Amino acid sequence: MMNEKPITATDVLRETVRARNRSPHALSLVARELDGVSTGVLEDFAAGKADPGVAVLKGLAKLFFPTAEFDETTNLMRSLAPEARPLGVRPPAYDIDRHPTYGPAADWSVD
């Protein structure tokens, strides 16, 4: 397993297009969303016969993964999600010595 090829963004997009190809007319709908790309190019890309180019890969990434983008220099997907921010300030830890202790109520009987 040490010699396995790492999974790239192109591999992920290829498998996504291949999965979409299982339903009728799905690739024609995808091709309609990407300007200047034919269904045949997408079919060849899914089969591993063609490389559609960086512009098409970026379009596929934007279409299938709206919170990520295709990075052509590393051939990886990069997250577009904003950095997580804390929702508030955490209260200090409970210190039992600073809070009163509660015990049984005092005797309320009147003598």
PDB file of N, CA and C in Angstrom:
ATOM      1  N   MET A   1       0.806  -1.192   0.000  1.00  0.00           N
ATOM      2  CA  MET A   1       0.000   0.000   0.000  1.00  0.00           C
ATOM      3  C   MET A   1       0.851   1.258   0.000  1.00  0.00           C
ATOM      4  N   MET A   2       2.121   1.132   0.203  1.00  0.00           N
ATOM      5  CA  MET A   2       2.990   2.297   0.219  1.00  0.00           C
ATOM      6  C   MET A   2       3.155   2.879  -1.180  1.00  0.00           C
ATOM      7  N   ASN A   3       2.947   2.083  -2.211  1.00  0.00           N
ATOM      8  CA  ASN A   3       3.152   2.541  -3.576  1.00  0.00           C
ATOM      9  C   ASN A   3       1.872   3.042  -4.233  1.00  0.00           C
ATOM     10  N   GLU A   4       0.812   3.215  -3.452  1.00  0.00           N
ATOM     11  CA  GLU A   4      -0.436   3.682  -4.044  1.00  0.00           C
ATOM     12  C   GLU A   4      -0.318   5.133  -4.471  1.00  0.00           C
ATOM     13  N   LYS A   5      -0.952   5.433  -5.580  1.00  0.00           N
ATOM     14  CA  LYS A   5      -0.964   6.793  -6.097  1.00  0.00           C
ATOM     15  C   LYS A   5      -1.931   7.637  -5.266  1.00  0.00           C
ATOM     16  N   PRO A   6      -1.546   8.854  -4.860  1.00  0.00           N
ATOM     17  CA  PRO A   6      -2.463   9.680  -4.068  1.00  0.00           C
ATOM     18  C   PRO A   6      -3.667  10.117  -4.907  1.00  0.00           C
ATOM     19  N   ILE A   7      -4.773  10.326  -4.250  1.00  0.00           N
ATOM     20  CA  ILE A   7      -5.995  10.747  -4.924  1.00  0.00           C
ATOM     21  C   ILE A   7      -5.920  12.245  -5.182  1.00  0.00           C
ATOM     22  N   THR A   8      -6.083  12.621  -6.427  1.00  0.00           N
ATOM     23  CA  THR A   8      -6.012  14.033  -6.813  1.00  0.00           C
ATOM     24  C   THR A   8      -7.415  14.577  -7.035  1.00  0.00           C
ATOM     25  N   ALA A   9      -7.483  15.885  -7.230  1.00  0.00           N
ATOM     26  CA  ALA A   9      -8.771  16.519  -7.501  1.00  0.00           C
ATOM     27  C   ALA A   9      -9.323  16.066  -8.849  1.00  0.00           C
ATOM     28  N   THR A  10      -8.450  15.822  -9.807  1.00  0.00           N
ATOM     29  CA  THR A  10      -8.902  15.322 -11.104  1.00  0.00           C
ATOM     30  C   THR A  10      -9.559  13.960 -10.953  1.00  0.00           C
ATOM     31  N   ASP A  11      -8.993  13.098 -10.104  1.00  0.00           N
ATOM     32  CA  ASP A  11      -9.592  11.787  -9.853  1.00  0.00           C
ATOM     33  C   ASP A  11     -10.970  11.925  -9.215  1.00  0.00           C
ATOM     34  N   VAL A  12     -11.098  12.848  -8.264  1.00  0.00           N
ATOM     35  CA  VAL A  12     -12.384  13.057  -7.598  1.00  0.00           C
ATOM     36  C   VAL A  12     -13.426  13.566  -8.590  1.00  0.00           C
ATOM     37  N   LEU A  13     -13.041  14.520  -9.414  1.00  0.00           N
ATOM     38  CA  LEU A  13     -13.976  15.055 -10.414  1.00  0.00           C
ATOM     39  C   LEU A  13     -14.328  13.991 -11.454  1.00  0.00           C
ATOM     40  N   ARG A  14     -13.367  13.176 -11.845  1.00  0.00           N
ATOM     41  CA  ARG A  14     -13.634  12.111 -12.820  1.00  0.00           C
ATOM     42  C   ARG A  14     -14.655  11.113 -12.260  1.00  0.00           C
ATOM     43  N   GLU A  15     -14.471  10.710 -11.007  1.00  0.00           N
ATOM     44  CA  GLU A  15     -15.417   9.773 -10.388  1.00  0.00           C
ATOM     45  C   GLU A  15     -16.792  10.412 -10.202  1.00  0.00           C
ATOM     46  N   THR A  16     -16.833  11.698  -9.927  1.00  0.00           N
ATOM     47  CA  THR A  16     -18.115  12.390  -9.780  1.00  0.00           C
ATOM     48  C   THR A  16     -18.849  12.445 -11.112  1.00  0.00           C
ATOM     49  N   VAL A  17     -18.127  12.743 -12.188  1.00  0.00           N
ATOM     50  CA  VAL A  17     -18.753  12.757 -13.522  1.00  0.00           C
ATOM     51  C   VAL A  17     -19.185  11.350 -13.905  1.00  0.00           C
ATOM     52  N   ARG A  18     -18.380  10.356 -13.582  1.00  0.00           N
ATOM     53  CA  ARG A  18     -18.745   8.971 -13.884  1.00  0.00           C
ATOM     54  C   ARG A  18     -20.014   8.565 -13.127  1.00  0.00           C
ATOM     55  N   ALA A  19     -20.135   8.989 -11.888  1.00  0.00           N
ATOM     56  CA  ALA A  19     -21.337   8.675 -11.108  1.00  0.00           C
ATOM     57  C   ALA A  19     -22.560   9.380 -11.683  1.00  0.00           C
ATOM     58  N   ARG A  20     -22.387  10.601 -12.150  1.00  0.00           N
ATOM     59  CA  ARG A  20     -23.515  11.329 -12.754  1.00  0.00           C
ATOM     60  C   ARG A  20     -23.925  10.729 -14.088  1.00  0.00           C
ATOM     61  N   ASN A  21     -23.020  10.044 -14.752  1.00  0.00           N
ATOM     62  CA  ASN A  21     -23.296   9.469 -16.061  1.00  0.00           C
ATOM     63  C   ASN A  21     -24.256   8.284 -15.976  1.00  0.00           C
ATOM     64  N   ARG A  22     -24.509   7.788 -14.795  1.00  0.00           N
ATOM     65  CA  ARG A  22     -25.394   6.629 -14.648  1.00  0.00           C
ATOM     66  C   ARG A  22     -26.860   6.972 -14.844  1.00  0.00           C
ATOM     67  N   SER A  23     -27.228   8.220 -14.645  1.00  0.00           N
ATOM     68  CA  SER A  23     -28.628   8.593 -14.854  1.00  0.00           C
ATOM     69  C   SER A  23     -28.781   9.204 -16.248  1.00  0.00           C
ATOM     70  N   PRO A  24     -29.931   8.979 -16.882  1.00  0.00           N
ATOM     71  CA  PRO A  24     -30.118   9.442 -18.268  1.00  0.00           C
ATOM     72  C   PRO A  24     -30.065  10.965 -18.374  1.00  0.00           C
ATOM     73  N   HIS A  25     -29.395  11.455 -19.349  1.00  0.00           N
ATOM     74  CA  HIS A  25     -29.306  12.874 -19.703  1.00  0.00           C
ATOM     75  C   HIS A  25     -28.619  13.721 -18.634  1.00  0.00           C
ATOM     76  N   ALA A  26     -27.986  13.100 -17.660  1.00  0.00           N
ATOM     77  CA  ALA A  26     -27.345  13.879 -16.600  1.00  0.00           C
ATOM     78  C   ALA A  26     -26.134  14.637 -17.132  1.00  0.00           C
ATOM     79  N   LEU A  27     -25.359  14.012 -17.995  1.00  0.00           N
ATOM     80  CA  LEU A  27     -24.184  14.701 -18.519  1.00  0.00           C
ATOM     81  C   LEU A  27     -24.562  15.840 -19.459  1.00  0.00           C
ATOM     82  N   SER A  28     -25.687  15.718 -20.126  1.00  0.00           N
ATOM     83  CA  SER A  28     -26.117  16.844 -20.966  1.00  0.00           C
ATOM     84  C   SER A  28     -26.518  18.032 -20.098  1.00  0.00           C
ATOM     85  N   LEU A  29     -27.083  17.763 -18.921  1.00  0.00           N
ATOM     86  CA  LEU A  29     -27.409  18.851 -18.000  1.00  0.00           C
ATOM     87  C   LEU A  29     -26.146  19.483 -17.426  1.00  0.00           C
ATOM     88  N   VAL A  30     -25.145  18.656 -17.146  1.00  0.00           N
ATOM     89  CA  VAL A  30     -23.869  19.178 -16.653  1.00  0.00           C
ATOM     90  C   VAL A  30     -23.190  19.988 -17.753  1.00  0.00           C
ATOM     91  N   ALA A  31     -23.194  19.482 -18.983  1.00  0.00           N
ATOM     92  CA  ALA A  31     -22.576  20.189 -20.104  1.00  0.00           C
ATOM     93  C   ALA A  31     -23.276  21.522 -20.364  1.00  0.00           C
ATOM     94  N   ARG A  32     -24.564  21.579 -20.129  1.00  0.00           N
ATOM     95  CA  ARG A  32     -25.303  22.827 -20.311  1.00  0.00           C
ATOM     96  C   ARG A  32     -24.852  23.882 -19.302  1.00  0.00           C
ATOM     97  N   GLU A  33     -24.491  23.444 -18.094  1.00  0.00           N
ATOM     98  CA  GLU A  33     -24.030  24.378 -17.068  1.00  0.00           C
ATOM     99  C   GLU A  33     -22.624  24.911 -17.375  1.00  0.00           C
ATOM    100  N   LEU A  34     -21.827  24.118 -18.071  1.00  0.00           N
ATOM    101  CA  LEU A  34     -20.468  24.520 -18.431  1.00  0.00           C
ATOM    102  C   LEU A  34     -20.471  24.998 -19.877  1.00  0.00           C
ATOM    103  N   ASP A  35     -20.137  26.234 -20.109  1.00  0.00           N
ATOM    104  CA  ASP A  35     -20.165  26.792 -21.466  1.00  0.00           C
ATOM    105  C   ASP A  35     -19.059  26.199 -22.328  1.00  0.00           C
ATOM    106  N   GLY A  36     -19.405  25.771 -23.522  1.00  0.00           N
ATOM    107  CA  GLY A  36     -18.431  25.290 -24.485  1.00  0.00           C
ATOM    108  C   GLY A  36     -17.948  23.875 -24.263  1.00  0.00           C
ATOM    109  N   VAL A  37     -18.642  23.098 -23.457  1.00  0.00           N
ATOM    110  CA  VAL A  37     -18.235  21.715 -23.197  1.00  0.00           C
ATOM    111  C   VAL A  37     -19.327  20.791 -23.719  1.00  0.00           C
ATOM    112  N   SER A  38     -18.926  19.784 -24.479  1.00  0.00           N
ATOM    113  CA  SER A  38     -19.905  18.849 -25.007  1.00  0.00           C
ATOM    114  C   SER A  38     -20.043  17.644 -24.090  1.00  0.00           C
ATOM    115  N   THR A  39     -21.108  16.911 -24.298  1.00  0.00           N
ATOM    116  CA  THR A  39     -21.335  15.698 -23.527  1.00  0.00           C
ATOM    117  C   THR A  39     -20.263  14.664 -23.827  1.00  0.00           C
ATOM    118  N   GLY A  40     -19.793  14.621 -25.077  1.00  0.00           N
ATOM    119  CA  GLY A  40     -18.745  13.670 -25.461  1.00  0.00           C
ATOM    120  C   GLY A  40     -17.444  13.912 -24.701  1.00  0.00           C
ATOM    121  N   VAL A  41     -17.104  15.181 -24.495  1.00  0.00           N
ATOM    122  CA  VAL A  41     -15.888  15.501 -23.732  1.00  0.00           C
ATOM    123  C   VAL A  41     -16.027  15.005 -22.302  1.00  0.00           C
ATOM    124  N   LEU A  42     -17.210  15.195 -21.710  1.00  0.00           N
ATOM    125  CA  LEU A  42     -17.436  14.728 -20.343  1.00  0.00           C
ATOM    126  C   LEU A  42     -17.415  13.204 -20.260  1.00  0.00           C
ATOM    127  N   GLU A  43     -17.972  12.534 -21.279  1.00  0.00           N
ATOM    128  CA  GLU A  43     -17.941  11.072 -21.296  1.00  0.00           C
ATOM    129  C   GLU A  43     -16.509  10.554 -21.421  1.00  0.00           C
ATOM    130  N   ASP A  44     -15.721  11.190 -22.277  1.00  0.00           N
ATOM    131  CA  ASP A  44     -14.321  10.784 -22.430  1.00  0.00           C
ATOM    132  C   ASP A  44     -13.527  11.059 -21.151  1.00  0.00           C
ATOM    133  N   PHE A  45     -13.816  12.161 -20.488  1.00  0.00           N
ATOM    134  CA  PHE A  45     -13.144  12.458 -19.230  1.00  0.00           C
ATOM    135  C   PHE A  45     -13.503  11.420 -18.167  1.00  0.00           C
ATOM    136  N   ALA A  46     -14.772  11.039 -18.095  1.00  0.00           N
ATOM    137  CA  ALA A  46     -15.198  10.038 -17.117  1.00  0.00           C
ATOM    138  C   ALA A  46     -14.553   8.686 -17.400  1.00  0.00           C
ATOM    139  N   ALA A  47     -14.330   8.375 -18.665  1.00  0.00           N
ATOM    140  CA  ALA A  47     -13.707   7.103 -19.039  1.00  0.00           C
ATOM    141  C   ALA A  47     -12.181   7.151 -18.932  1.00  0.00           C
ATOM    142  N   GLY A  48     -11.611   8.326 -18.666  1.00  0.00           N
ATOM    143  CA  GLY A  48     -10.160   8.453 -18.556  1.00  0.00           C
ATOM    144  C   GLY A  48      -9.465   8.586 -19.890  1.00  0.00           C
ATOM    145  N   LYS A  49     -10.193   8.908 -20.954  1.00  0.00           N
ATOM    146  CA  LYS A  49      -9.612   9.002 -22.289  1.00  0.00           C
ATOM    147  C   LYS A  49      -9.176  10.411 -22.655  1.00  0.00           C
ATOM    148  N   ALA A  50      -9.669  11.429 -21.925  1.00  0.00           N
ATOM    149  CA  ALA A  50      -9.375  12.805 -22.308  1.00  0.00           C
ATOM    150  C   ALA A  50      -9.161  13.661 -21.067  1.00  0.00           C
ATOM    151  N   ASP A  51      -8.408  14.741 -21.271  1.00  0.00           N
ATOM    152  CA  ASP A  51      -8.209  15.740 -20.234  1.00  0.00           C
ATOM    153  C   ASP A  51      -8.919  17.009 -20.705  1.00  0.00           C
ATOM    154  N   PRO A  52      -9.990  17.425 -20.019  1.00  0.00           N
ATOM    155  CA  PRO A  52     -10.795  18.526 -20.533  1.00  0.00           C
ATOM    156  C   PRO A  52     -10.172  19.905 -20.375  1.00  0.00           C
ATOM    157  N   GLY A  53      -9.149  20.055 -19.593  1.00  0.00           N
ATOM    158  CA  GLY A  53      -8.519  21.362 -19.408  1.00  0.00           C
ATOM    159  C   GLY A  53      -8.864  21.966 -18.051  1.00  0.00           C
ATOM    160  N   VAL A  54      -8.071  22.943 -17.673  1.00  0.00           N
ATOM    161  CA  VAL A  54      -8.200  23.541 -16.344  1.00  0.00           C
ATOM    162  C   VAL A  54      -9.524  24.280 -16.194  1.00  0.00           C
ATOM    163  N   ALA A  55      -9.950  24.993 -17.229  1.00  0.00           N
ATOM    164  CA  ALA A  55     -11.194  25.763 -17.126  1.00  0.00           C
ATOM    165  C   ALA A  55     -12.394  24.858 -16.888  1.00  0.00           C
ATOM    166  N   VAL A  56     -12.425  23.719 -17.555  1.00  0.00           N
ATOM    167  CA  VAL A  56     -13.532  22.776 -17.379  1.00  0.00           C
ATOM    168  C   VAL A  56     -13.458  22.132 -15.995  1.00  0.00           C
ATOM    169  N   LEU A  57     -12.258  21.795 -15.539  1.00  0.00           N
ATOM    170  CA  LEU A  57     -12.115  21.211 -14.205  1.00  0.00           C
ATOM    171  C   LEU A  57     -12.548  22.195 -13.124  1.00  0.00           C
ATOM    172  N   LYS A  58     -12.217  23.468 -13.307  1.00  0.00           N
ATOM    173  CA  LYS A  58     -12.669  24.488 -12.352  1.00  0.00           C
ATOM    174  C   LYS A  58     -14.190  24.619 -12.382  1.00  0.00           C
ATOM    175  N   GLY A  59     -14.776  24.548 -13.562  1.00  0.00           N
ATOM    176  CA  GLY A  59     -16.225  24.615 -13.672  1.00  0.00           C
ATOM    177  C   GLY A  59     -16.912  23.417 -13.035  1.00  0.00           C
ATOM    178  N   LEU A  60     -16.343  22.233 -13.244  1.00  0.00           N
ATOM    179  CA  LEU A  60     -16.906  21.037 -12.622  1.00  0.00           C
ATOM    180  C   LEU A  60     -16.807  21.111 -11.095  1.00  0.00           C
ATOM    181  N   ALA A  61     -15.672  21.599 -10.602  1.00  0.00           N
ATOM    182  CA  ALA A  61     -15.505  21.720  -9.154  1.00  0.00           C
ATOM    183  C   ALA A  61     -16.508  22.711  -8.573  1.00  0.00           C
ATOM    184  N   LYS A  62     -16.728  23.799  -9.270  1.00  0.00           N
ATOM    185  CA  LYS A  62     -17.690  24.803  -8.793  1.00  0.00           C
ATOM    186  C   LYS A  62     -19.115  24.259  -8.843  1.00  0.00           C
ATOM    187  N   LEU A  63     -19.403  23.449  -9.831  1.00  0.00           N
ATOM    188  CA  LEU A  63     -20.748  22.887  -9.988  1.00  0.00           C
ATOM    189  C   LEU A  63     -21.025  21.787  -8.963  1.00  0.00           C
ATOM    190  N   PHE A  64     -20.075  20.881  -8.774  1.00  0.00           N
ATOM    191  CA  PHE A  64     -20.297  19.732  -7.896  1.00  0.00           C
ATOM    192  C   PHE A  64     -19.966  20.015  -6.433  1.00  0.00           C
ATOM    193  N   PHE A  65     -18.996  20.886  -6.193  1.00  0.00           N
ATOM    194  CA  PHE A  65     -18.550  21.176  -4.830  1.00  0.00           C
ATOM    195  C   PHE A  65     -18.543  22.691  -4.619  1.00  0.00           C
ATOM    196  N   PRO A  66     -19.686  23.292  -4.264  1.00  0.00           N
ATOM    197  CA  PRO A  66     -19.770  24.752  -4.173  1.00  0.00           C
ATOM    198  C   PRO A  66     -18.880  25.370  -3.096  1.00  0.00           C
ATOM    199  N   THR A  67     -18.455  24.606  -2.114  1.00  0.00           N
ATOM    200  CA  THR A  67     -17.615  25.165  -1.055  1.00  0.00           C
ATOM    201  C   THR A  67     -16.138  24.853  -1.255  1.00  0.00           C
ATOM    202  N   ALA A  68     -15.771  24.459  -2.479  1.00  0.00           N
ATOM    203  CA  ALA A  68     -14.366  24.156  -2.774  1.00  0.00           C
ATOM    204  C   ALA A  68     -14.033  24.651  -4.169  1.00  0.00           C
ATOM    205  N   GLU A  69     -12.744  24.789  -4.436  1.00  0.00           N
ATOM    206  CA  GLU A  69     -12.295  25.164  -5.774  1.00  0.00           C
ATOM    207  C   GLU A  69     -11.127  24.274  -6.192  1.00  0.00           C
ATOM    208  N   PHE A  70     -10.959  24.141  -7.487  1.00  0.00           N
ATOM    209  CA  PHE A  70      -9.891  23.328  -8.044  1.00  0.00           C
ATOM    210  C   PHE A  70      -8.619  24.158  -8.095  1.00  0.00           C
ATOM    211  N   ASP A  71      -7.549  23.642  -7.514  1.00  0.00           N
ATOM    212  CA  ASP A  71      -6.242  24.305  -7.543  1.00  0.00           C
ATOM    213  C   ASP A  71      -5.387  23.596  -8.577  1.00  0.00           C
ATOM    214  N   GLU A  72      -5.107  24.281  -9.700  1.00  0.00           N
ATOM    215  CA  GLU A  72      -4.400  23.627 -10.799  1.00  0.00           C
ATOM    216  C   GLU A  72      -2.922  23.405 -10.506  1.00  0.00           C
ATOM    217  N   THR A  73      -2.334  24.166  -9.592  1.00  0.00           N
ATOM    218  CA  THR A  73      -0.904  23.981  -9.320  1.00  0.00           C
ATOM    219  C   THR A  73      -0.651  22.714  -8.510  1.00  0.00           C
ATOM    220  N   THR A  74      -1.523  22.388  -7.568  1.00  0.00           N
ATOM    221  CA  THR A  74      -1.331  21.193  -6.737  1.00  0.00           C
ATOM    222  C   THR A  74      -2.238  20.038  -7.140  1.00  0.00           C
ATOM    223  N   ASN A  75      -3.195  20.296  -8.020  1.00  0.00           N
ATOM    224  CA  ASN A  75      -4.185  19.312  -8.438  1.00  0.00           C
ATOM    225  C   ASN A  75      -4.961  18.766  -7.232  1.00  0.00           C
ATOM    226  N   LEU A  76      -5.323  19.697  -6.347  1.00  0.00           N
ATOM    227  CA  LEU A  76      -6.113  19.367  -5.167  1.00  0.00           C
ATOM    228  C   LEU A  76      -7.294  20.315  -5.072  1.00  0.00           C
ATOM    229  N   MET A  77      -8.268  19.947  -4.253  1.00  0.00           N
ATOM    230  CA  MET A  77      -9.404  20.822  -3.993  1.00  0.00           C
ATOM    231  C   MET A  77      -9.062  21.674  -2.776  1.00  0.00           C
ATOM    232  N   ARG A  78      -9.381  22.958  -2.865  1.00  0.00           N
ATOM    233  CA  ARG A  78      -9.120  23.878  -1.766  1.00  0.00           C
ATOM    234  C   ARG A  78     -10.456  24.379  -1.228  1.00  0.00           C
ATOM    235  N   SER A  79     -10.574  24.413   0.078  1.00  0.00           N
ATOM    236  CA  SER A  79     -11.829  24.812   0.715  1.00  0.00           C
ATOM    237  C   SER A  79     -12.038  26.312   0.572  1.00  0.00           C
ATOM    238  N   LEU A  80     -13.281  26.702   0.306  1.00  0.00           N
ATOM    239  CA  LEU A  80     -13.657  28.108   0.246  1.00  0.00           C
ATOM    240  C   LEU A  80     -14.448  28.528   1.482  1.00  0.00           C
ATOM    241  N   ALA A  81     -14.644  27.593   2.401  1.00  0.00           N
ATOM    242  CA  ALA A  81     -15.410  27.899   3.603  1.00  0.00           C
ATOM    243  C   ALA A  81     -14.633  28.901   4.458  1.00  0.00           C
ATOM    244  N   PRO A  82     -15.338  29.858   5.040  1.00  0.00           N
ATOM    245  CA  PRO A  82     -14.626  30.810   5.899  1.00  0.00           C
ATOM    246  C   PRO A  82     -14.088  30.122   7.146  1.00  0.00           C
ATOM    247  N   GLU A  83     -13.064  30.723   7.714  1.00  0.00           N
ATOM    248  CA  GLU A  83     -12.468  30.155   8.916  1.00  0.00           C
ATOM    249  C   GLU A  83     -13.477  30.191  10.059  1.00  0.00           C
ATOM    250  N   ALA A  84     -13.510  29.142  10.833  1.00  0.00           N
ATOM    251  CA  ALA A  84     -14.459  29.055  11.941  1.00  0.00           C
ATOM    252  C   ALA A  84     -14.113  30.095  13.000  1.00  0.00           C
ATOM    253  N   ARG A  85     -15.154  30.774  13.487  1.00  0.00           N
ATOM    254  CA  ARG A  85     -14.968  31.770  14.538  1.00  0.00           C
ATOM    255  C   ARG A  85     -15.672  31.303  15.799  1.00  0.00           C
ATOM    256  N   PRO A  86     -15.153  31.641  16.949  1.00  0.00           N
ATOM    257  CA  PRO A  86     -15.850  31.256  18.172  1.00  0.00           C
ATOM    258  C   PRO A  86     -17.180  31.995  18.278  1.00  0.00           C
ATOM    259  N   LEU A  87     -18.163  31.338  18.827  1.00  0.00           N
ATOM    260  CA  LEU A  87     -19.490  31.929  18.936  1.00  0.00           C
ATOM    261  C   LEU A  87     -19.641  32.814  20.164  1.00  0.00           C
ATOM    262  N   GLY A  88     -18.759  32.718  21.091  1.00  0.00           N
ATOM    263  CA  GLY A  88     -18.848  33.536  22.288  1.00  0.00           C
ATOM    264  C   GLY A  88     -17.636  33.325  23.162  1.00  0.00           C
ATOM    265  N   VAL A  89     -17.729  33.833  24.363  1.00  0.00           N
ATOM    266  CA  VAL A  89     -16.633  33.707  25.308  1.00  0.00           C
ATOM    267  C   VAL A  89     -17.010  32.627  26.309  1.00  0.00           C
ATOM    268  N   ARG A  90     -16.113  31.733  26.540  1.00  0.00           N
ATOM    269  CA  ARG A  90     -16.355  30.649  27.482  1.00  0.00           C
ATOM    270  C   ARG A  90     -16.311  31.209  28.908  1.00  0.00           C
ATOM    271  N   PRO A  91     -17.275  30.857  29.739  1.00  0.00           N
ATOM    272  CA  PRO A  91     -17.252  31.333  31.125  1.00  0.00           C
ATOM    273  C   PRO A  91     -16.112  30.671  31.893  1.00  0.00           C
ATOM    274  N   PRO A  92     -15.690  31.306  32.992  1.00  0.00           N
ATOM    275  CA  PRO A  92     -14.614  30.686  33.760  1.00  0.00           C
ATOM    276  C   PRO A  92     -15.071  29.369  34.376  1.00  0.00           C
ATOM    277  N   ALA A  93     -14.106  28.526  34.689  1.00  0.00           N
ATOM    278  CA  ALA A  93     -14.425  27.230  35.284  1.00  0.00           C
ATOM    279  C   ALA A  93     -15.078  27.430  36.652  1.00  0.00           C
ATOM    280  N   TYR A  94     -15.952  26.527  37.024  1.00  0.00           N
ATOM    281  CA  TYR A  94     -16.652  26.617  38.298  1.00  0.00           C
ATOM    282  C   TYR A  94     -15.677  26.359  39.436  1.00  0.00           C
ATOM    283  N   ASP A  95     -15.643  27.299  40.373  1.00  0.00           N
ATOM    284  CA  ASP A  95     -14.767  27.178  41.544  1.00  0.00           C
ATOM    285  C   ASP A  95     -15.647  27.036  42.771  1.00  0.00           C
ATOM    286  N   ILE A  96     -15.637  25.875  43.375  1.00  0.00           N
ATOM    287  CA  ILE A  96     -16.536  25.603  44.495  1.00  0.00           C
ATOM    288  C   ILE A  96     -16.196  26.449  45.717  1.00  0.00           C
ATOM    289  N   ASP A  97     -14.957  26.875  45.852  1.00  0.00           N
ATOM    290  CA  ASP A  97     -14.563  27.682  47.011  1.00  0.00           C
ATOM    291  C   ASP A  97     -15.123  29.101  46.937  1.00  0.00           C
ATOM    292  N   ARG A  98     -15.456  29.575  45.777  1.00  0.00           N
ATOM    293  CA  ARG A  98     -15.972  30.936  45.628  1.00  0.00           C
ATOM    294  C   ARG A  98     -17.493  30.996  45.715  1.00  0.00           C
ATOM    295  N   HIS A  99     -18.169  29.886  45.788  1.00  0.00           N
ATOM    296  CA  HIS A  99     -19.623  29.877  45.824  1.00  0.00           C
ATOM    297  C   HIS A  99     -20.096  29.326  47.170  1.00  0.00           C
ATOM    298  N   PRO A 100     -21.243  29.825  47.632  1.00  0.00           N
ATOM    299  CA  PRO A 100     -21.723  29.347  48.931  1.00  0.00           C
ATOM    300  C   PRO A 100     -22.143  27.878  48.854  1.00  0.00           C
ATOM    301  N   THR A 101     -22.012  27.225  49.973  1.00  0.00           N
ATOM    302  CA  THR A 101     -22.481  25.852  50.042  1.00  0.00           C
ATOM    303  C   THR A 101     -23.906  25.857  50.570  1.00  0.00           C
ATOM    304  N   TYR A 102     -24.652  24.935  50.133  1.00  0.00           N
ATOM    305  CA  TYR A 102     -26.046  24.847  50.550  1.00  0.00           C
ATOM    306  C   TYR A 102     -26.206  23.612  51.420  1.00  0.00           C
ATOM    307  N   GLY A 103     -26.901  23.788  52.522  1.00  0.00           N
ATOM    308  CA  GLY A 103     -27.141  22.685  53.427  1.00  0.00           C
ATOM    309  C   GLY A 103     -28.605  22.670  53.828  1.00  0.00           C
ATOM    310  N   PRO A 104     -28.925  21.954  54.878  1.00  0.00           N
ATOM    311  CA  PRO A 104     -30.322  21.912  55.315  1.00  0.00           C
ATOM    312  C   PRO A 104     -30.785  23.293  55.784  1.00  0.00           C
ATOM    313  N   ALA A 105     -32.041  23.535  55.611  1.00  0.00           N
ATOM    314  CA  ALA A 105     -32.610  24.826  56.021  1.00  0.00           C
ATOM    315  C   ALA A 105     -32.584  24.953  57.528  1.00  0.00           C
ATOM    316  N   ALA A 106     -32.559  26.172  57.989  1.00  0.00           N
ATOM    317  CA  ALA A 106     -32.549  26.447  59.426  1.00  0.00           C
ATOM    318  C   ALA A 106     -33.914  26.084  60.035  1.00  0.00           C
ATOM    319  N   ASP A 107     -33.967  25.939  61.285  1.00  0.00           N
ATOM    320  CA  ASP A 107     -35.203  25.602  61.981  1.00  0.00           C
ATOM    321  C   ASP A 107     -36.139  26.804  61.948  1.00  0.00           C
ATOM    322  N   TRP A 108     -37.308  26.641  61.388  1.00  0.00           N
ATOM    323  CA  TRP A 108     -38.275  27.732  61.224  1.00  0.00           C
ATOM    324  C   TRP A 108     -39.302  27.750  62.343  1.00  0.00           C
ATOM    325  N   SER A 109     -39.171  26.881  63.257  1.00  0.00           N
ATOM    326  CA  SER A 109     -40.188  26.842  64.320  1.00  0.00           C
ATOM    327  C   SER A 109     -40.017  28.035  65.261  1.00  0.00           C
ATOM    328  N   VAL A 110     -41.116  28.547  65.718  1.00  0.00           N
ATOM    329  CA  VAL A 110     -41.110  29.682  66.636  1.00  0.00           C
ATOM    330  C   VAL A 110     -41.260  29.137  68.039  1.00  0.00           C
ATOM    331  N   ASP A 111     -40.455  29.596  68.961  1.00  0.00           N
ATOM    332  CA  ASP A 111     -40.536  29.109  70.341  1.00  0.00           C
ATOM    333  C   ASP A 111     -41.568  29.822  71.115  1.00  0.00           C
TER     334      ASP A 111
END
